[in-house]
Amino acid sequence: MAHSACREDEQAGRLAVVPLEKPGMVRRINMVHHQDFSHPEILEELRRLYIGRR
């Protein structure tokens, strides 16, 4: 879980946060768009840019 997602509960004392050994973990992401989005070339370019940064 991202630290930002539980920071409020940590500060309130409802959760304890334990950092993992490997901070460089790979996170899988997905692009979401409306089915009627009329510029698939933009989505493809974003995908190529993201893949190139890994």
PDB file of N, CA and C in Angstrom:
ATOM      1  N   MET A   1       0.852  -1.169   0.000  1.00  0.00           N
ATOM      2  CA  MET A   1       0.000   0.000   0.000  1.00  0.00           C
ATOM      3  C   MET A   1       0.896   1.229   0.000  1.00  0.00           C
ATOM      4  N   ALA A   2       0.537   2.206  -0.767  1.00  0.00           N
ATOM      5  CA  ALA A   2       1.302   3.449  -0.798  1.00  0.00           C
ATOM      6  C   ALA A   2       1.196   4.156   0.547  1.00  0.00           C
ATOM      7  N   HIS A   3       2.312   4.733   0.974  1.00  0.00           N
ATOM      8  CA  HIS A   3       2.322   5.426   2.264  1.00  0.00           C
ATOM      9  C   HIS A   3       1.316   6.564   2.278  1.00  0.00           C
ATOM     10  N   SER A   4       1.151   7.239   1.154  1.00  0.00           N
ATOM     11  CA  SER A   4       0.201   8.351   1.084  1.00  0.00           C
ATOM     12  C   SER A   4      -1.237   7.892   1.314  1.00  0.00           C
ATOM     13  N   ALA A   5      -1.537   6.630   1.001  1.00  0.00           N
ATOM     14  CA  ALA A   5      -2.891   6.107   1.165  1.00  0.00           C
ATOM     15  C   ALA A   5      -3.235   5.832   2.626  1.00  0.00           C
ATOM     16  N   CYS A   6      -2.240   5.691   3.477  1.00  0.00           N
ATOM     17  CA  CYS A   6      -2.523   5.345   4.875  1.00  0.00           C
ATOM     18  C   CYS A   6      -1.933   6.342   5.874  1.00  0.00           C
ATOM     19  N   ARG A   7      -1.396   7.447   5.391  1.00  0.00           N
ATOM     20  CA  ARG A   7      -0.731   8.425   6.259  1.00  0.00           C
ATOM     21  C   ARG A   7      -1.657   8.955   7.350  1.00  0.00           C
ATOM     22  N   GLU A   8      -2.890   9.278   6.991  1.00  0.00           N
ATOM     23  CA  GLU A   8      -3.840   9.818   7.970  1.00  0.00           C
ATOM     24  C   GLU A   8      -4.109   8.809   9.086  1.00  0.00           C
ATOM     25  N   ASP A   9      -4.309   7.540   8.723  1.00  0.00           N
ATOM     26  CA  ASP A   9      -4.549   6.500   9.733  1.00  0.00           C
ATOM     27  C   ASP A   9      -3.300   6.249  10.571  1.00  0.00           C
ATOM     28  N   GLU A  10      -2.139   6.379   9.983  1.00  0.00           N
ATOM     29  CA  GLU A  10      -0.896   6.224  10.741  1.00  0.00           C
ATOM     30  C   GLU A  10      -0.785   7.338  11.784  1.00  0.00           C
ATOM     31  N   GLN A  11      -1.030   8.570  11.371  1.00  0.00           N
ATOM     32  CA  GLN A  11      -0.933   9.702  12.290  1.00  0.00           C
ATOM     33  C   GLN A  11      -1.955   9.630  13.403  1.00  0.00           C
ATOM     34  N   ALA A  12      -3.116   9.032  13.120  1.00  0.00           N
ATOM     35  CA  ALA A  12      -4.161   8.891  14.136  1.00  0.00           C
ATOM     36  C   ALA A  12      -3.900   7.691  15.051  1.00  0.00           C
ATOM     37  N   GLY A  13      -2.892   6.886  14.746  1.00  0.00           N
ATOM     38  CA  GLY A  13      -2.564   5.733  15.574  1.00  0.00           C
ATOM     39  C   GLY A  13      -3.379   4.494  15.273  1.00  0.00           C
ATOM     40  N   ARG A  14      -4.129   4.494  14.168  1.00  0.00           N
ATOM     41  CA  ARG A  14      -4.952   3.330  13.805  1.00  0.00           C
ATOM     42  C   ARG A  14      -4.161   2.286  13.030  1.00  0.00           C
ATOM     43  N   LEU A  15      -3.051   2.700  12.402  1.00  0.00           N
ATOM     44  CA  LEU A  15      -2.221   1.780  11.635  1.00  0.00           C
ATOM     45  C   LEU A  15      -0.759   1.968  12.003  1.00  0.00           C
ATOM     46  N   ALA A  16      -0.011   0.910  11.869  1.00  0.00           N
ATOM     47  CA  ALA A  16       1.444   0.992  12.011  1.00  0.00           C
ATOM     48  C   ALA A  16       2.035   0.749  10.635  1.00  0.00           C
ATOM     49  N   VAL A  17       2.977   1.570  10.228  1.00  0.00           N
ATOM     50  CA  VAL A  17       3.594   1.461   8.913  1.00  0.00           C
ATOM     51  C   VAL A  17       4.962   0.822   9.063  1.00  0.00           C
ATOM     52  N   VAL A  18       5.176  -0.259   8.303  1.00  0.00           N
ATOM     53  CA  VAL A  18       6.455  -0.958   8.333  1.00  0.00           C
ATOM     54  C   VAL A  18       7.043  -0.891   6.928  1.00  0.00           C
ATOM     55  N   PRO A  19       8.152  -0.168   6.736  1.00  0.00           N
ATOM     56  CA  PRO A  19       8.742  -0.082   5.397  1.00  0.00           C
ATOM     57  C   PRO A  19       9.297  -1.428   4.948  1.00  0.00           C
ATOM     58  N   LEU A  20       9.219  -1.685   3.660  1.00  0.00           N
ATOM     59  CA  LEU A  20       9.748  -2.920   3.093  1.00  0.00           C
ATOM     60  C   LEU A  20      11.230  -2.761   2.807  1.00  0.00           C
ATOM     61  N   GLU A  21      11.920  -3.886   2.693  1.00  0.00           N
ATOM     62  CA  GLU A  21      13.357  -3.889   2.434  1.00  0.00           C
ATOM     63  C   GLU A  21      13.715  -3.290   1.082  1.00  0.00           C
ATOM     64  N   LYS A  22      12.904  -3.558   0.075  1.00  0.00           N
ATOM     65  CA  LYS A  22      13.226  -3.119  -1.289  1.00  0.00           C
ATOM     66  C   LYS A  22      12.350  -1.922  -1.661  1.00  0.00           C
ATOM     67  N   PRO A  23      12.840  -0.707  -1.480  1.00  0.00           N
ATOM     68  CA  PRO A  23      12.012   0.450  -1.815  1.00  0.00           C
ATOM     69  C   PRO A  23      11.812   0.635  -3.315  1.00  0.00           C
ATOM     70  N   GLY A  24      12.588  -0.025  -4.148  1.00  0.00           N
ATOM     71  CA  GLY A  24      12.462   0.128  -5.595  1.00  0.00           C
ATOM     72  C   GLY A  24      11.513  -0.867  -6.223  1.00  0.00           C
ATOM     73  N   MET A  25      10.474  -1.247  -5.521  1.00  0.00           N
ATOM     74  CA  MET A  25       9.532  -2.227  -6.049  1.00  0.00           C
ATOM     75  C   MET A  25       8.865  -1.705  -7.323  1.00  0.00           C
ATOM     76  N   VAL A  26       8.587  -2.585  -8.252  1.00  0.00           N
ATOM     77  CA  VAL A  26       7.918  -2.228  -9.492  1.00  0.00           C
ATOM     78  C   VAL A  26       6.421  -2.263  -9.256  1.00  0.00           C
ATOM     79  N   ARG A  27       5.749  -1.230  -9.705  1.00  0.00           N
ATOM     80  CA  ARG A  27       4.297  -1.144  -9.537  1.00  0.00           C
ATOM     81  C   ARG A  27       3.637  -1.221 -10.906  1.00  0.00           C
ATOM     82  N   ARG A  28       2.671  -2.087 -11.043  1.00  0.00           N
ATOM     83  CA  ARG A  28       1.945  -2.215 -12.294  1.00  0.00           C
ATOM     84  C   ARG A  28       0.867  -1.138 -12.348  1.00  0.00           C
ATOM     85  N   ILE A  29       0.773  -0.453 -13.471  1.00  0.00           N
ATOM     86  CA  ILE A  29      -0.252   0.574 -13.636  1.00  0.00           C
ATOM     87  C   ILE A  29      -1.060   0.271 -14.886  1.00  0.00           C
ATOM     88  N   ASN A  30      -2.238   0.846 -14.950  1.00  0.00           N
ATOM     89  CA  ASN A  30      -3.114   0.684 -16.107  1.00  0.00           C
ATOM     90  C   ASN A  30      -3.605   2.055 -16.554  1.00  0.00           C
ATOM     91  N   MET A  31      -3.796   2.210 -17.845  1.00  0.00           N
ATOM     92  CA  MET A  31      -4.437   3.413 -18.368  1.00  0.00           C
ATOM     93  C   MET A  31      -5.922   3.115 -18.485  1.00  0.00           C
ATOM     94  N   VAL A  32      -6.725   4.086 -18.142  1.00  0.00           N
ATOM     95  CA  VAL A  32      -8.180   3.947 -18.224  1.00  0.00           C
ATOM     96  C   VAL A  32      -8.704   5.095 -19.083  1.00  0.00           C
ATOM     97  N   HIS A  33      -9.591   4.768 -20.004  1.00  0.00           N
ATOM     98  CA  HIS A  33     -10.159   5.794 -20.877  1.00  0.00           C
ATOM     99  C   HIS A  33     -11.564   5.400 -21.273  1.00  0.00           C
ATOM    100  N   HIS A  34     -12.344   6.383 -21.720  1.00  0.00           N
ATOM    101  CA  HIS A  34     -13.695   6.102 -22.212  1.00  0.00           C
ATOM    102  C   HIS A  34     -13.604   5.305 -23.507  1.00  0.00           C
ATOM    103  N   GLN A  35     -14.572   4.437 -23.711  1.00  0.00           N
ATOM    104  CA  GLN A  35     -14.576   3.607 -24.919  1.00  0.00           C
ATOM    105  C   GLN A  35     -14.651   4.436 -26.188  1.00  0.00           C
ATOM    106  N   ASP A  36     -15.264   5.607 -26.095  1.00  0.00           N
ATOM    107  CA  ASP A  36     -15.410   6.431 -27.295  1.00  0.00           C
ATOM    108  C   ASP A  36     -14.283   7.452 -27.469  1.00  0.00           C
ATOM    109  N   PHE A  37     -13.174   7.275 -26.751  1.00  0.00           N
ATOM    110  CA  PHE A  37     -12.024   8.167 -26.899  1.00  0.00           C
ATOM    111  C   PHE A  37     -11.539   8.078 -28.343  1.00  0.00           C
ATOM    112  N   SER A  38     -11.461   9.224 -29.018  1.00  0.00           N
ATOM    113  CA  SER A  38     -11.217   9.184 -30.470  1.00  0.00           C
ATOM    114  C   SER A  38      -9.760   9.409 -30.874  1.00  0.00           C
ATOM    115  N   HIS A  39      -8.821   9.309 -29.924  1.00  0.00           N
ATOM    116  CA  HIS A  39      -7.412   9.519 -30.263  1.00  0.00           C
ATOM    117  C   HIS A  39      -6.542   8.392 -29.710  1.00  0.00           C
ATOM    118  N   PRO A  40      -6.701   7.182 -30.223  1.00  0.00           N
ATOM    119  CA  PRO A  40      -5.909   6.058 -29.706  1.00  0.00           C
ATOM    120  C   PRO A  40      -4.409   6.248 -29.902  1.00  0.00           C
ATOM    121  N   GLU A  41      -4.002   7.077 -30.860  1.00  0.00           N
ATOM    122  CA  GLU A  41      -2.582   7.309 -31.081  1.00  0.00           C
ATOM    123  C   GLU A  41      -1.944   8.020 -29.877  1.00  0.00           C
ATOM    124  N   ILE A  42      -2.705   8.839 -29.189  1.00  0.00           N
ATOM    125  CA  ILE A  42      -2.198   9.506 -27.987  1.00  0.00           C
ATOM    126  C   ILE A  42      -1.966   8.477 -26.880  1.00  0.00           C
ATOM    127  N   LEU A  43      -2.903   7.563 -26.717  1.00  0.00           N
ATOM    128  CA  LEU A  43      -2.757   6.520 -25.708  1.00  0.00           C
ATOM    129  C   LEU A  43      -1.553   5.634 -26.014  1.00  0.00           C
ATOM    130  N   GLU A  44      -1.375   5.313 -27.282  1.00  0.00           N
ATOM    131  CA  GLU A  44      -0.240   4.472 -27.681  1.00  0.00           C
ATOM    132  C   GLU A  44       1.084   5.183 -27.414  1.00  0.00           C
ATOM    133  N   GLU A  45       1.134   6.475 -27.686  1.00  0.00           N
ATOM    134  CA  GLU A  45       2.358   7.238 -27.428  1.00  0.00           C
ATOM    135  C   GLU A  45       2.650   7.290 -25.922  1.00  0.00           C
ATOM    136  N   LEU A  46       1.647   7.490 -25.105  1.00  0.00           N
ATOM    137  CA  LEU A  46       1.838   7.465 -23.651  1.00  0.00           C
ATOM    138  C   LEU A  46       2.366   6.107 -23.194  1.00  0.00           C
ATOM    139  N   ARG A  47       1.800   5.040 -23.759  1.00  0.00           N
ATOM    140  CA  ARG A  47       2.242   3.697 -23.404  1.00  0.00           C
ATOM    141  C   ARG A  47       3.711   3.490 -23.787  1.00  0.00           C
ATOM    142  N   ARG A  48       4.086   3.918 -24.978  1.00  0.00           N
ATOM    143  CA  ARG A  48       5.481   3.785 -25.418  1.00  0.00           C
ATOM    144  C   ARG A  48       6.430   4.587 -24.527  1.00  0.00           C
ATOM    145  N   LEU A  49       6.022   5.808 -24.161  1.00  0.00           N
ATOM    146  CA  LEU A  49       6.857   6.622 -23.285  1.00  0.00           C
ATOM    147  C   LEU A  49       7.044   5.966 -21.928  1.00  0.00           C
ATOM    148  N   TYR A  50       5.967   5.410 -21.383  1.00  0.00           N
ATOM    149  CA  TYR A  50       6.048   4.777 -20.073  1.00  0.00           C
ATOM    150  C   TYR A  50       6.947   3.537 -20.129  1.00  0.00           C
ATOM    151  N   ILE A  51       6.767   2.721 -21.136  1.00  0.00           N
ATOM    152  CA  ILE A  51       7.566   1.499 -21.261  1.00  0.00           C
ATOM    153  C   ILE A  51       9.050   1.843 -21.422  1.00  0.00           C
ATOM    154  N   GLY A  52       9.316   2.932 -22.131  1.00  0.00           N
ATOM    155  CA  GLY A  52      10.698   3.361 -22.348  1.00  0.00           C
ATOM    156  C   GLY A  52      11.399   3.837 -21.077  1.00  0.00           C
ATOM    157  N   ARG A  53      10.653   4.223 -20.064  1.00  0.00           N
ATOM    158  CA  ARG A  53      11.249   4.716 -18.823  1.00  0.00           C
ATOM    159  C   ARG A  53      11.600   3.619 -17.857  1.00  0.00           C
ATOM    160  N   ARG A  54      11.137   2.388 -18.088  1.00  0.00           N
ATOM    161  CA  ARG A  54      11.402   1.295 -17.155  1.00  0.00           C
ATOM    162  C   ARG A  54      12.786   0.843 -17.214  1.00  0.00           C
TER     163      ARG A  54
END
